[in-house]
């Protein structure tokens, strides 16, 4: 990054057959590009917007599983120092989701604006050598058995009447992380089925004369819903919706309307003033049927969008990136069969579908108005408050730590589960050992790494007397485990999974 704040990358040459083009420089694209470049994969990141340095932000929450993934990249502690932790969430003023009991080092959610996350991920990607192409739009895409050709047009400079110069980029794979209006998704002809759930949602960044009692303030009352979250610079993001004010997104918005919906939902507008930005938007629930078409993948909002309830949007996209990046690195490095890439769909599509259901359920209960809807909401809240296993399950899904991936028939009970952070015999932690995008083998006695696996596999011993041998994938999920394993069994597992 130069002194003007403009992102810079390595000089762009002819992409190698083992390169990847990532489209979109939001959190999903930045994490994915940084992971690949760290693994030695040449990456070009294409973004149609100019480089933005500012405080506009969509998301405000990092959940426990995402913080664990960032910990595996050495970034979580830095973000923890900037954000503000919250150890419980209140829904409908009846239900409290307790996060301080989560089985995670990060037994809280972290409140901080999306741009703070992007800032850290951007720096990592630049340092890893990602080639950034700003003000460059994807205009076409074609793939064959050997790779993908992406047609792009720069937004400035000489060119025809449509803008800058046209160019063709070539790579082994392309990942579309370019948001709800994804050009990559359109180029491969994938539908984006779903519908608009809420229209005319108002957003504003304002100062408040009175500070709210809670770090995150959210409630629904009657026909109105509102949410308040701090930026940390004296401004707050307000998100509000009034059922009776159903107007197009193009309708002008003023601060009086924002104040009104906030008073209706929260009982006060907290003396909001000095709005630096206001807008309207509509909230959709959509998901593509396939996260992959040949050599083209979709991740984040390009693959799924849902209501902001529960703060799961950015987190789900970052989890997509963490799942896909190590698989692409394995295949492009010649360490795994390309069939490994098919597991991206089988593992992440069900999670995206689950997030659509949970976020949609929260917003529908929040906006309950009919007597039977209000009764249902009260029943659900009472049930979750009383039944601890159900409450823990909901917290696990909301924070991401409760998901597991499919495992082959006959696999060990741990296969496909999230590997919680664990103390190791050498004094470190599992998620420290995962750094660098490595597999981690944890054994009772130890194991010597030979040949090409050096640098891609760390071998650790349990700090205690645990006897299970566990192989953890770079994304922190268990690839293989055995309660008793001799050297030949371990070697077979490593050969088929690490390469």
Protein backbone atom coordinates (compact mmCIF):
# COMPACT_ATOMS: atom_id res chain seq x y z
CA UNK A 1 0.00 0.00 0.00
CA UNK A 2 1.45 3.36 -0.95
CA UNK A 3 1.46 6.57 1.06
CA UNK A 4 -1.79 7.80 -0.48
CA UNK A 5 -3.74 4.84 0.84
CA UNK A 6 -4.05 3.20 -2.57
CA UNK A 7 -3.72 -0.56 -2.60
CA UNK A 8 -0.91 -1.92 -4.67
CA UNK A 9 0.09 -5.43 -5.57
CA UNK A 10 2.74 -7.23 -7.54
CA UNK A 11 3.22 -6.09 -11.16
CA UNK A 12 0.70 -7.92 -13.31
CA UNK A 13 2.19 -10.32 -15.81
CA UNK A 14 0.69 -13.21 -17.73
CA UNK A 15 -1.24 -15.39 -15.27
CA UNK A 16 0.15 -18.89 -14.88
CA UNK A 17 -1.99 -21.99 -15.45
CA UNK A 18 -2.06 -22.39 -11.67
CA UNK A 19 -3.49 -18.95 -10.88
CA UNK A 20 -6.87 -17.80 -9.58
CA UNK A 21 -8.91 -14.70 -10.37
CA UNK A 22 -11.04 -13.45 -7.48
CA UNK A 23 -13.78 -10.96 -8.37
CA UNK A 24 -14.87 -8.67 -5.52
CA UNK A 25 -12.84 -7.00 -2.77
CA UNK A 26 -15.23 -7.33 0.14
CA UNK A 27 -14.32 -9.43 3.19
CA UNK A 28 -15.01 -12.73 1.39
CA UNK A 29 -12.82 -11.91 -1.60
CA UNK A 30 -10.03 -10.45 0.52
CA UNK A 31 -9.82 -13.47 2.83
CA UNK A 32 -9.87 -15.90 -0.08
CA UNK A 33 -7.26 -13.99 -2.09
CA UNK A 34 -5.00 -13.62 0.95
CA UNK A 35 -5.24 -17.34 1.75
CA UNK A 36 -4.36 -18.36 -1.80
CA UNK A 37 -1.46 -15.94 -2.12
CA UNK A 38 -0.10 -17.06 1.25
CA UNK A 39 -0.16 -20.62 -0.10
CA UNK A 40 1.90 -19.52 -3.12
CA UNK A 41 -0.96 -19.35 -5.63
CA UNK A 42 -0.77 -16.31 -7.98
CA UNK A 43 -3.96 -14.28 -7.45
CA UNK A 44 -5.49 -11.38 -9.36
CA UNK A 45 -8.29 -9.57 -7.51
CA UNK A 46 -10.69 -7.66 -9.78
CA UNK A 47 -12.95 -4.96 -8.32
CA UNK A 48 -15.16 -2.65 -10.37
CA UNK A 49 -15.28 0.02 -7.66
CA UNK A 50 -12.40 2.40 -6.99
CA UNK A 51 -10.35 1.76 -3.90
CA UNK A 52 -12.38 3.02 -0.95
CA UNK A 53 -11.00 4.30 2.31
CA UNK A 54 -13.88 5.30 4.53
CA UNK A 55 -16.31 4.30 7.19
CA UNK A 56 -19.33 3.12 5.22
CA UNK A 57 -20.11 -0.38 6.45
CA UNK A 58 -22.82 -2.99 6.06
CA UNK A 59 -21.90 -5.50 8.76
CA UNK A 60 -21.08 -4.90 12.42
CA UNK A 61 -20.60 -8.28 14.05
CA UNK A 62 -17.98 -11.02 14.04
CA UNK A 63 -19.20 -14.29 15.52
CA UNK A 64 -17.15 -16.89 17.39
CA UNK A 65 -16.45 -19.25 14.46
CA UNK A 66 -15.26 -16.40 12.27
CA UNK A 67 -12.98 -15.15 15.04
CA UNK A 68 -11.55 -18.67 15.28
CA UNK A 69 -10.81 -18.61 11.54
CA UNK A 70 -9.15 -15.23 11.88
CA UNK A 71 -7.17 -16.57 14.85
CA UNK A 72 -5.84 -19.30 12.54
CA UNK A 73 -4.46 -16.46 10.39
CA UNK A 74 -3.00 -14.46 13.27
CA UNK A 75 -5.55 -11.65 12.89
CA UNK A 76 -8.12 -12.16 15.64
CA UNK A 77 -6.25 -10.52 18.51
CA UNK A 78 -5.71 -7.37 16.46
CA UNK A 79 -9.43 -7.10 15.74
CA UNK A 80 -10.34 -7.93 19.34
CA UNK A 81 -8.29 -4.88 20.40
CA UNK A 82 -10.33 -2.64 18.10
CA UNK A 83 -13.84 -4.04 18.59
CA UNK A 84 -16.06 -4.30 21.63
CA UNK A 85 -17.10 -7.75 22.95
CA UNK A 86 -20.70 -8.60 23.79
CA UNK A 87 -21.39 -11.78 25.75
CA UNK A 88 -25.16 -11.98 25.26
CA UNK A 89 -27.78 -10.99 22.71
CA UNK A 90 -31.37 -10.04 23.42
CA UNK A 91 -34.12 -10.92 20.96
CA UNK A 92 -37.73 -9.71 21.17
CA UNK A 93 -36.97 -8.41 24.72
CA UNK A 94 -37.94 -11.89 25.88
CA UNK A 95 -35.10 -14.15 24.78
CA UNK A 96 -31.47 -13.82 25.84
CA UNK A 97 -28.84 -15.72 23.89
CA UNK A 98 -25.92 -16.33 26.24
CA UNK A 99 -22.57 -16.38 24.47
CA UNK A 100 -20.25 -16.51 27.48
CA UNK A 101 -20.91 -20.25 27.75
CA UNK A 102 -19.77 -21.00 24.17
CA UNK A 103 -17.07 -23.70 24.00
CA UNK A 104 -14.68 -21.31 22.28
CA UNK A 105 -11.81 -19.01 23.11
CA UNK A 106 -14.10 -16.34 21.67
CA UNK A 107 -17.14 -16.78 23.92
CA UNK A 108 -18.73 -13.54 22.76
CA UNK A 109 -19.54 -11.68 19.60
CA UNK A 110 -17.32 -8.79 18.55
CA UNK A 111 -18.96 -5.53 17.58
CA UNK A 112 -16.91 -3.64 15.01
CA UNK A 113 -17.62 -2.21 11.55
CA UNK A 114 -16.99 -4.24 8.43
CA UNK A 115 -14.41 -1.77 7.16
CA UNK A 116 -12.16 -2.59 10.12
CA UNK A 117 -12.21 -6.24 9.06
CA UNK A 118 -11.52 -5.28 5.44
CA UNK A 119 -8.59 -3.10 6.50
CA UNK A 120 -6.84 -6.04 8.18
CA UNK A 121 -7.64 -8.52 5.41
CA UNK A 122 -6.53 -6.03 2.76
CA UNK A 123 -3.15 -5.53 4.40
CA UNK A 124 -2.61 -9.28 4.61
CA UNK A 125 -3.53 -9.77 0.93
CA UNK A 126 -1.19 -6.99 -0.19
CA UNK A 127 1.68 -8.38 1.87
CA UNK A 128 1.06 -11.84 0.36
CA UNK A 129 1.41 -10.42 -3.17
CA UNK A 130 -2.17 -10.28 -4.46
CA UNK A 131 -2.43 -8.24 -7.68
CA UNK A 132 -5.28 -5.75 -7.20
CA UNK A 133 -7.16 -4.41 -10.25
CA UNK A 134 -9.51 -1.60 -9.19
CA UNK A 135 -12.08 0.14 -11.40
CA UNK A 136 -12.06 -2.99 -13.52
CA UNK A 137 -15.35 -4.61 -14.47
CA UNK A 138 -15.99 -8.16 -15.62
CA UNK A 139 -17.74 -8.04 -19.02
CA UNK A 140 -17.56 -11.68 -20.07
CA UNK A 141 -16.33 -15.11 -19.10
CA UNK A 142 -15.58 -18.33 -20.94
CA UNK A 143 -14.16 -21.57 -19.61
CA UNK A 144 -12.68 -24.70 -21.13
CA UNK A 145 -11.03 -27.86 -19.90
CA UNK A 146 -7.80 -26.05 -18.99
CA UNK A 147 -8.94 -22.78 -17.47
CA UNK A 148 -11.09 -19.67 -17.55
CA UNK A 149 -10.78 -16.55 -19.69
CA UNK A 150 -12.26 -13.42 -18.11
CA UNK A 151 -12.97 -10.35 -20.19
CA UNK A 152 -12.58 -7.14 -18.22
CA UNK A 153 -12.71 -3.44 -18.91
CA UNK A 154 -10.89 -0.83 -16.89
CA UNK A 155 -12.93 2.18 -15.82
CA UNK A 156 -10.43 4.81 -16.87
CA UNK A 157 -7.76 5.51 -19.44
CA UNK A 158 -8.07 5.22 -23.20
CA UNK A 159 -10.63 2.97 -24.80
CA UNK A 160 -13.92 3.07 -26.66
CA UNK A 161 -17.02 5.03 -25.72
CA UNK A 162 -17.87 2.56 -22.93
CA UNK A 163 -14.83 3.44 -20.85
CA UNK A 164 -11.30 2.10 -20.50
CA UNK A 165 -9.36 -0.50 -22.36
CA UNK A 166 -10.66 -4.05 -22.72
CA UNK A 167 -8.44 -6.94 -21.65
CA UNK A 168 -8.55 -10.70 -21.26
CA UNK A 169 -7.27 -12.40 -18.13
CA UNK A 170 -6.59 -16.12 -17.92
CA UNK A 171 -6.55 -18.37 -14.84
CA UNK A 172 -7.11 -21.93 -13.76
CA UNK A 173 -10.13 -20.99 -11.62
CA UNK A 174 -12.35 -17.97 -10.96
CA UNK A 175 -14.18 -17.14 -7.76
CA UNK A 176 -17.06 -14.67 -7.84
CA UNK A 177 -17.24 -12.85 -4.52
CA UNK A 178 -18.82 -9.81 -6.12
CA UNK A 179 -22.00 -9.49 -4.13
CA UNK A 180 -25.71 -9.76 -4.71
CA UNK A 181 -25.52 -8.32 -8.24
CA UNK A 182 -22.68 -10.66 -9.20
CA UNK A 183 -21.35 -10.30 -12.74
CA UNK A 184 -19.69 -13.71 -12.40
CA UNK A 185 -22.97 -15.38 -11.47
CA UNK A 186 -24.66 -13.78 -14.48
CA UNK A 187 -21.79 -14.80 -16.78
CA UNK A 188 -22.19 -18.50 -15.93
CA UNK A 189 -25.98 -18.30 -16.23
CA UNK A 190 -26.90 -19.27 -12.68
CA UNK A 191 -30.34 -18.23 -11.42
CA UNK A 192 -30.69 -16.51 -8.05
CA UNK A 193 -34.09 -17.70 -6.86
CA UNK A 194 -35.79 -16.09 -3.90
CA UNK A 195 -37.70 -12.94 -3.10
CA UNK A 196 -37.64 -9.61 -1.35
CA UNK A 197 -38.63 -10.05 2.28
CA UNK A 198 -38.59 -6.48 3.52
CA UNK A 199 -38.89 -3.36 1.37
CA UNK A 200 -37.94 0.22 2.19
CA UNK A 201 -35.48 -0.44 4.99
CA UNK A 202 -33.88 2.86 6.06
CA UNK A 203 -30.21 3.23 6.93
CA UNK A 204 -28.45 6.21 8.43
CA UNK A 205 -25.15 7.02 10.10
CA UNK A 206 -25.84 9.56 12.84
CA UNK A 207 -24.57 11.03 16.08
CA UNK A 208 -26.63 10.51 19.22
CA UNK A 209 -27.20 12.98 22.05
CA UNK A 210 -28.01 10.08 24.41
CA UNK A 211 -26.00 6.87 24.49
CA UNK A 212 -28.10 3.65 24.47
CA UNK A 213 -27.99 1.38 27.50
CA UNK A 214 -26.70 -1.60 25.49
CA UNK A 215 -23.88 -2.01 22.98
CA UNK A 216 -26.27 -3.36 20.34
CA UNK A 217 -29.81 -2.04 20.54
CA UNK A 218 -32.53 -3.91 18.66
CA UNK A 219 -36.27 -4.27 19.03
CA UNK A 220 -39.55 -4.52 17.15
CA UNK A 221 -42.80 -2.96 18.30
CA UNK A 222 -46.06 -2.83 16.40
CA UNK A 223 -45.25 -2.06 12.79
CA UNK A 224 -41.68 -0.90 13.37
CA UNK A 225 -38.23 -2.46 13.77
CA UNK A 226 -34.94 -0.70 14.55
CA UNK A 227 -31.30 -1.55 15.23
CA UNK A 228 -28.47 0.63 16.54
CA UNK A 229 -24.74 -0.20 16.47
CA UNK A 230 -21.71 2.01 17.17
CA UNK A 231 -18.94 2.70 14.68
CA UNK A 232 -16.55 3.63 17.46
CA UNK A 233 -15.90 7.12 16.10
CA UNK A 234 -18.92 8.79 17.68
CA UNK A 235 -21.34 7.77 14.94
CA UNK A 236 -23.98 5.04 15.06
CA UNK A 237 -25.52 2.99 12.28
CA UNK A 238 -29.33 2.99 12.37
CA UNK A 239 -31.30 0.34 10.49
CA UNK A 240 -35.07 0.69 10.62
CA UNK A 241 -38.24 -0.48 8.98
CA UNK A 242 -41.82 0.72 9.25
CA UNK A 243 -44.39 -1.68 7.83
CA UNK A 244 -46.79 1.12 6.92
CA UNK A 245 -44.10 3.10 5.04
CA UNK A 246 -43.64 0.81 2.03
CA UNK A 247 -42.04 2.97 -0.66
CA UNK A 248 -39.51 2.34 -3.47
CA UNK A 249 -35.79 2.44 -2.71
CA UNK A 250 -35.57 5.57 -4.87
CA UNK A 251 -37.88 7.55 -2.55
CA UNK A 252 -35.99 10.44 -0.84
CA UNK A 253 -35.12 9.87 2.82
CA UNK A 254 -34.74 12.49 5.52
CA UNK A 255 -33.63 12.32 9.15
CA UNK A 256 -37.16 12.90 10.47
CA UNK A 257 -38.30 9.58 8.98
CA UNK A 258 -35.32 7.77 10.55
CA UNK A 259 -36.14 9.34 13.92
CA UNK A 260 -39.78 8.34 13.66
CA UNK A 261 -39.16 4.65 12.97
CA UNK A 262 -36.54 4.54 15.75
CA UNK A 263 -38.98 6.05 18.27
CA UNK A 264 -41.69 3.59 17.24
CA UNK A 265 -39.43 0.56 17.67
CA UNK A 266 -37.13 1.60 20.54
CA UNK A 267 -39.19 4.21 22.38
CA UNK A 268 -36.61 6.96 21.75
CA UNK A 269 -34.60 8.43 18.90
CA UNK A 270 -31.72 9.13 21.34
CA UNK A 271 -31.45 12.69 20.06
CA UNK A 272 -29.96 11.63 16.74
CA UNK A 273 -28.43 14.40 14.64
CA UNK A 274 -25.71 15.19 12.09
CA UNK A 275 -26.48 12.37 9.65
CA UNK A 276 -23.48 11.89 7.38
CA UNK A 277 -25.17 9.29 5.17
CA UNK A 278 -28.71 8.00 4.59
CA UNK A 279 -30.19 5.48 2.19
CA UNK A 280 -32.99 2.97 1.57
CA UNK A 281 -32.63 -0.65 0.57
CA UNK A 282 -34.66 -3.84 0.39
CA UNK A 283 -33.72 -7.14 2.03
CA UNK A 284 -33.84 -10.31 -0.04
CA UNK A 285 -33.64 -14.02 0.68
CA UNK A 286 -31.92 -15.77 -2.23
CA UNK A 287 -29.53 -18.66 -2.85
CA UNK A 288 -28.02 -20.09 -6.02
CA UNK A 289 -28.71 -23.80 -6.59
CA UNK A 290 -25.02 -24.48 -7.27
CA UNK A 291 -21.95 -22.80 -5.79
CA UNK A 292 -19.84 -24.11 -8.67
CA UNK A 293 -20.10 -24.26 -12.46
CA UNK A 294 -17.04 -26.00 -13.88
CA UNK A 295 -14.02 -23.93 -12.94
CA UNK A 296 -16.06 -21.02 -11.58
CA UNK A 297 -17.11 -20.74 -7.94
CA UNK A 298 -19.38 -18.35 -6.05
CA UNK A 299 -18.94 -17.24 -2.45
CA UNK A 300 -20.50 -14.78 -0.03
CA UNK A 301 -23.38 -12.60 -1.21
CA UNK A 302 -22.86 -13.77 -4.79
CA UNK A 303 -24.09 -17.18 -3.63
CA UNK A 304 -26.58 -16.29 -0.89
CA UNK A 305 -28.25 -13.23 0.59
CA UNK A 306 -30.60 -13.00 3.53
CA UNK A 307 -31.96 -10.58 6.08
CA UNK A 308 -29.46 -8.92 8.45
CA UNK A 309 -31.11 -10.55 11.49
CA UNK A 310 -28.50 -12.26 13.63
CA UNK A 311 -25.57 -10.55 11.92
CA UNK A 312 -24.67 -13.66 9.90
CA UNK A 313 -24.05 -12.24 6.43
CA UNK A 314 -20.36 -11.28 6.50
CA UNK A 315 -19.60 -14.22 8.76
CA UNK A 316 -21.13 -16.76 6.37
CA UNK A 317 -19.16 -15.32 3.45
CA UNK A 318 -15.89 -15.47 5.37
CA UNK A 319 -16.61 -19.10 6.22
CA UNK A 320 -17.21 -19.80 2.51
CA UNK A 321 -13.80 -18.34 1.73
CA UNK A 322 -12.06 -20.33 4.47
CA UNK A 323 -13.62 -23.55 3.16
CA UNK A 324 -12.73 -22.97 -0.50
CA UNK A 325 -9.25 -21.44 -0.27
CA UNK A 326 -7.35 -24.42 1.12
CA UNK A 327 -9.03 -26.77 -1.35
CA UNK A 328 -7.99 -24.64 -4.32
CA UNK A 329 -4.46 -24.42 -2.91
CA UNK A 330 -4.29 -28.21 -2.49
CA UNK A 331 -5.49 -28.88 -6.05
CA UNK A 332 -3.35 -26.20 -7.70
CA UNK A 333 -0.32 -27.36 -5.75
CA UNK A 334 -0.77 -30.87 -7.09
CA UNK A 335 -1.46 -32.30 -3.65
CA UNK A 336 -5.10 -33.34 -4.16
CA UNK A 337 -7.38 -34.62 -6.87
CA UNK A 338 -9.65 -31.91 -8.38
CA UNK A 339 -12.59 -33.94 -7.02
CA UNK A 340 -11.83 -32.28 -3.67
CA UNK A 341 -13.35 -29.07 -5.04
CA UNK A 342 -16.75 -30.76 -5.25
CA UNK A 343 -16.93 -30.79 -1.45
CA UNK A 344 -17.29 -27.00 -1.44
CA UNK A 345 -20.87 -27.39 -2.65
CA UNK A 346 -21.76 -30.30 -0.37
CA UNK A 347 -20.35 -28.55 2.70
CA UNK A 348 -21.26 -24.91 2.25
CA UNK A 349 -24.59 -24.94 0.37
CA UNK A 350 -26.48 -26.55 3.31
CA UNK A 351 -24.98 -23.97 5.68
CA UNK A 352 -26.13 -21.13 3.43
CA UNK A 353 -29.63 -22.63 3.33
CA UNK A 354 -29.66 -22.94 7.13
CA UNK A 355 -28.63 -19.29 7.55
CA UNK A 356 -31.46 -18.20 5.24
CA UNK A 357 -33.93 -20.10 7.41
CA UNK A 358 -32.62 -18.88 10.76
CA UNK A 359 -32.26 -15.22 9.80
CA UNK A 360 -35.64 -15.31 8.09
CA UNK A 361 -37.22 -16.91 11.15
CA UNK A 362 -35.79 -14.23 13.44
CA UNK A 363 -37.06 -11.36 11.33
CA UNK A 364 -40.52 -12.90 10.92
CA UNK A 365 -40.86 -13.42 14.66
CA UNK A 366 -39.55 -9.91 15.29
CA UNK A 367 -42.19 -8.43 13.01
CA UNK A 368 -45.07 -10.51 14.40
CA UNK A 369 -48.31 -8.53 14.53
CA UNK A 370 -51.30 -10.90 14.41
CA UNK A 371 -52.38 -12.45 17.73
CA UNK A 372 -51.37 -15.97 16.69
CA UNK A 373 -47.95 -14.68 15.54
CA UNK A 374 -47.38 -12.91 18.85
CA UNK A 375 -48.42 -16.05 20.72
CA UNK A 376 -45.99 -18.12 18.64
CA UNK A 377 -43.17 -15.69 19.36
CA UNK A 378 -43.86 -15.83 23.08
CA UNK A 379 -43.94 -19.63 22.97
CA UNK A 380 -40.65 -19.86 21.06
CA UNK A 381 -38.95 -17.42 23.42
CA UNK A 382 -40.21 -19.24 26.51
CA UNK A 383 -39.17 -22.63 25.12
CA UNK A 384 -35.64 -21.45 24.31
CA UNK A 385 -35.26 -19.71 27.66
CA UNK A 386 -36.27 -22.87 29.52
CA UNK A 387 -34.77 -25.66 27.39
CA UNK A 388 -30.99 -25.28 27.60
CA UNK A 389 -30.05 -27.79 24.83
CA UNK A 390 -32.28 -25.99 22.34
CA UNK A 391 -30.84 -22.64 23.37
CA UNK A 392 -27.29 -23.96 22.96
CA UNK A 393 -28.17 -25.34 19.53
CA UNK A 394 -29.52 -21.97 18.46
CA UNK A 395 -26.38 -20.22 19.75
CA UNK A 396 -24.22 -22.73 17.89
CA UNK A 397 -25.97 -22.04 14.59
CA UNK A 398 -26.02 -18.27 15.12
CA UNK A 399 -22.29 -18.12 15.93
CA UNK A 400 -21.24 -20.75 13.40
CA UNK A 401 -19.58 -23.12 15.86
CA UNK A 402 -22.49 -25.57 15.76
CA UNK A 403 -22.14 -26.62 12.12
CA UNK A 404 -20.47 -29.84 11.03
CA UNK A 405 -19.72 -31.07 7.53
CA UNK A 406 -20.75 -34.43 6.03
CA UNK A 407 -18.35 -37.30 6.65
CA UNK A 408 -17.95 -40.58 4.73
CA UNK A 409 -19.90 -43.57 5.94
CA UNK A 410 -17.97 -45.39 8.64
CA UNK A 411 -15.79 -42.37 9.47
CA UNK A 412 -14.78 -41.56 13.04
CA UNK A 413 -17.38 -39.64 15.06
CA UNK A 414 -15.16 -36.52 14.99
CA UNK A 415 -14.80 -36.39 11.20
CA UNK A 416 -16.42 -33.27 9.78
CA UNK A 417 -16.77 -31.53 13.14
CA UNK A 418 -15.28 -28.18 14.05
CA UNK A 419 -12.03 -28.68 15.93
CA UNK A 420 -12.10 -26.50 19.06
CA UNK A 421 -8.88 -24.80 20.06
CA UNK A 422 -6.74 -27.16 22.13
CA UNK A 423 -3.64 -26.88 24.27
CA UNK A 424 -0.61 -28.65 22.79
CA UNK A 425 2.35 -30.30 24.48
CA UNK A 426 4.82 -27.71 23.19
CA UNK A 427 2.89 -24.98 24.98
CA UNK A 428 1.02 -23.56 22.00
CA UNK A 429 -2.56 -23.82 20.75
CA UNK A 430 -4.12 -25.65 17.81
CA UNK A 431 -5.19 -22.48 16.03
CA UNK A 432 -1.68 -21.06 16.30
CA UNK A 433 -0.37 -24.23 14.69
CA UNK A 434 -2.90 -23.89 11.83
CA UNK A 435 -1.35 -20.58 10.76
CA UNK A 436 0.12 -20.56 7.30
CA UNK A 437 -2.73 -22.68 5.94
CA UNK A 438 -1.32 -25.94 7.27
CA UNK A 439 -2.89 -29.23 8.21
CA UNK A 440 -2.24 -30.18 11.82
CA UNK A 441 -1.81 -33.77 12.98
CA UNK A 442 -2.24 -34.18 16.74
CA UNK A 443 -1.07 -37.51 18.13
CA UNK A 444 -0.39 -39.04 21.54
CA UNK A 445 3.25 -39.88 20.73
CA UNK A 446 4.27 -37.64 17.83
CA UNK A 447 5.05 -38.35 14.19
CA UNK A 448 7.94 -37.41 11.92
CA UNK A 449 7.06 -35.51 8.73
CA UNK A 450 8.89 -36.56 5.57
CA UNK A 451 9.34 -35.14 2.08
CA UNK A 452 6.97 -32.73 0.38
CA UNK A 453 4.61 -32.50 3.34
CA UNK A 454 7.06 -30.32 5.22
CA UNK A 455 5.62 -26.82 5.41
CA UNK A 456 2.08 -28.06 4.72
CA UNK A 457 1.71 -30.30 7.76
CA UNK A 458 2.45 -29.54 11.40
CA UNK A 459 2.69 -32.42 13.86
CA UNK A 460 1.75 -31.76 17.48
CA UNK A 461 1.11 -33.76 20.64
CA UNK A 462 -1.77 -33.34 23.06
CA UNK A 463 -0.94 -31.44 26.23
CA UNK A 464 -2.84 -34.03 28.28
CA UNK A 465 -3.25 -37.80 28.16
CA UNK A 466 -5.72 -37.91 25.29
CA UNK A 467 -5.12 -40.94 23.03
CA UNK A 468 -7.12 -40.02 19.91
CA UNK A 469 -5.12 -39.14 16.80
CA UNK A 470 -6.71 -36.25 14.90
CA UNK A 471 -5.90 -34.65 11.54
CA UNK A 472 -7.27 -31.09 11.33
CA UNK A 473 -7.83 -29.39 7.99
CA UNK A 474 -6.50 -25.86 7.33
CA UNK A 475 -10.02 -24.48 7.93
CA UNK A 476 -10.18 -25.98 11.41
CA UNK A 477 -12.43 -28.97 10.75
CA UNK A 478 -11.50 -32.58 11.46
CA UNK A 479 -10.43 -34.39 8.29
CA UNK A 480 -9.74 -37.74 9.93
CA UNK A 481 -9.46 -39.26 13.40
CA UNK A 482 -8.77 -42.62 15.04
CA UNK A 483 -8.93 -43.73 18.65
CA UNK A 484 -5.99 -46.07 18.06
CA UNK A 485 -3.74 -45.67 15.06
CA UNK A 486 -0.40 -47.25 14.15
CA UNK A 487 2.09 -45.60 11.84
CA UNK A 488 0.75 -47.31 8.72
CA UNK A 489 -2.80 -46.11 9.44
CA UNK A 490 -1.63 -42.54 9.98
CA UNK A 491 0.47 -42.62 6.83
CA UNK A 492 -2.50 -43.82 4.80
CA UNK A 493 -4.68 -41.04 6.17
CA UNK A 494 -2.04 -38.41 5.38
CA UNK A 495 -1.48 -39.74 1.87
CA UNK A 496 -5.17 -39.52 0.99
CA UNK A 497 -5.84 -36.15 2.63
CA UNK A 498 -2.63 -34.11 2.77
CA UNK A 499 -1.15 -35.59 -0.42
